[in-house]
Amino acid sequence: MTHDLDALREASERVGLPFHYVQRLVEADQYDAQDPRSGDALGRQLTVVFDHYIAKCLAAPDPIAALRQLGFEETADALTKA
């Protein structure tokens, strides 16, 4: 499914998500015959989602508390021990 940039910007504004995040989700769904992971669109999209939420947590005033609030317990524990 092809999306033009204007439609992606409109969707981004409508749902309140950053444009680059929506764009990355769409790109993760595109098939690329040269990419060995091309058949795993869901896995690539989940990576984008995970990256988005981890970045939001790490940018928070208390990153460890933010990670715990979203359920990233193991990540929070690893950072606490670091």
Protein backbone atom coordinates (compact mmCIF):
# COMPACT_ATOMS: atom_id res chain seq x y z
CA MET A 1 0.00 0.00 0.00
CA THR A 2 1.48 3.30 -1.06
CA HIS A 3 0.99 6.39 1.07
CA ASP A 4 1.83 9.89 -0.01
CA LEU A 5 3.57 12.25 2.40
CA ASP A 6 0.56 14.57 2.71
CA ALA A 7 -1.66 11.66 3.79
CA LEU A 8 0.95 10.58 6.34
CA ARG A 9 1.25 14.13 7.72
CA GLU A 10 -2.53 14.35 8.03
CA ALA A 11 -2.66 10.98 9.82
CA SER A 12 0.17 12.07 12.10
CA GLU A 13 -1.64 15.25 13.09
CA ARG A 14 -4.98 13.47 13.47
CA VAL A 15 -3.66 10.87 15.92
CA GLY A 16 -1.08 13.09 17.61
CA LEU A 17 2.00 11.04 16.75
CA PRO A 18 5.21 12.48 15.34
CA PHE A 19 5.35 12.38 11.53
CA HIS A 20 8.67 10.51 11.43
CA TYR A 21 7.18 7.80 13.67
CA VAL A 22 4.21 7.25 11.35
CA GLN A 23 6.54 7.33 8.35
CA ARG A 24 8.81 4.70 9.92
CA LEU A 25 5.81 2.44 10.61
CA VAL A 26 4.73 2.65 6.98
CA GLU A 27 8.27 2.04 5.71
CA ALA A 28 8.57 -1.02 7.95
CA ASP A 29 5.57 -2.49 6.12
CA GLN A 30 7.15 -2.13 2.65
CA TYR A 31 8.48 -5.23 0.93
CA ASP A 32 12.10 -5.12 -0.21
CA ALA A 33 13.33 -8.18 -2.08
CA GLN A 34 16.91 -7.40 -1.04
CA ASP A 35 16.11 -7.27 2.67
CA PRO A 36 16.19 -10.73 4.26
CA ARG A 37 13.70 -9.50 6.91
CA SER A 38 11.19 -8.25 4.32
CA GLY A 39 8.74 -11.01 5.14
CA ASP A 40 8.61 -9.92 8.78
CA ALA A 41 6.72 -6.61 8.55
CA LEU A 42 5.16 -7.06 11.99
CA GLY A 43 8.57 -7.61 13.59
CA ARG A 44 9.96 -4.49 11.94
CA GLN A 45 6.90 -2.45 12.97
CA LEU A 46 7.20 -3.68 16.56
CA THR A 47 10.85 -2.58 16.54
CA VAL A 48 9.71 0.93 15.51
CA VAL A 49 7.10 0.99 18.29
CA PHE A 50 9.61 -0.25 20.87
CA ASP A 51 12.19 2.31 19.75
CA HIS A 52 9.61 5.11 20.00
CA TYR A 53 8.55 4.28 23.55
CA ILE A 54 12.06 3.56 24.84
CA ALA A 55 13.21 6.94 23.47
CA LYS A 56 10.28 8.69 25.17
CA CYS A 57 11.15 7.00 28.46
CA LEU A 58 14.85 7.81 28.25
CA ALA A 59 14.04 11.47 27.54
CA ALA A 60 11.78 11.73 30.60
CA PRO A 61 12.95 13.54 33.77
CA ASP A 62 13.14 10.16 35.55
CA PRO A 63 13.87 7.59 32.81
CA ILE A 64 13.81 4.57 35.11
CA ALA A 65 10.41 5.47 36.56
CA ALA A 66 9.09 6.12 33.04
CA LEU A 67 10.32 2.71 31.90
CA ARG A 68 8.64 1.02 34.86
CA GLN A 69 5.41 2.93 34.24
CA LEU A 70 5.22 1.48 30.71
CA GLY A 71 6.09 -2.01 31.92
CA PHE A 72 9.72 -2.16 30.76
CA GLU A 73 10.78 -3.69 34.07
CA GLU A 74 13.83 -5.59 32.82
CA THR A 75 15.18 -2.53 31.01
CA ALA A 76 14.64 -0.40 34.11
CA ASP A 77 16.41 -3.01 36.27
CA ALA A 78 19.34 -3.16 33.84
CA LEU A 79 19.72 0.62 33.91
CA THR A 80 19.47 0.68 37.70
CA LYS A 81 22.34 -1.80 37.95
CA ALA A 82 24.47 0.03 35.36
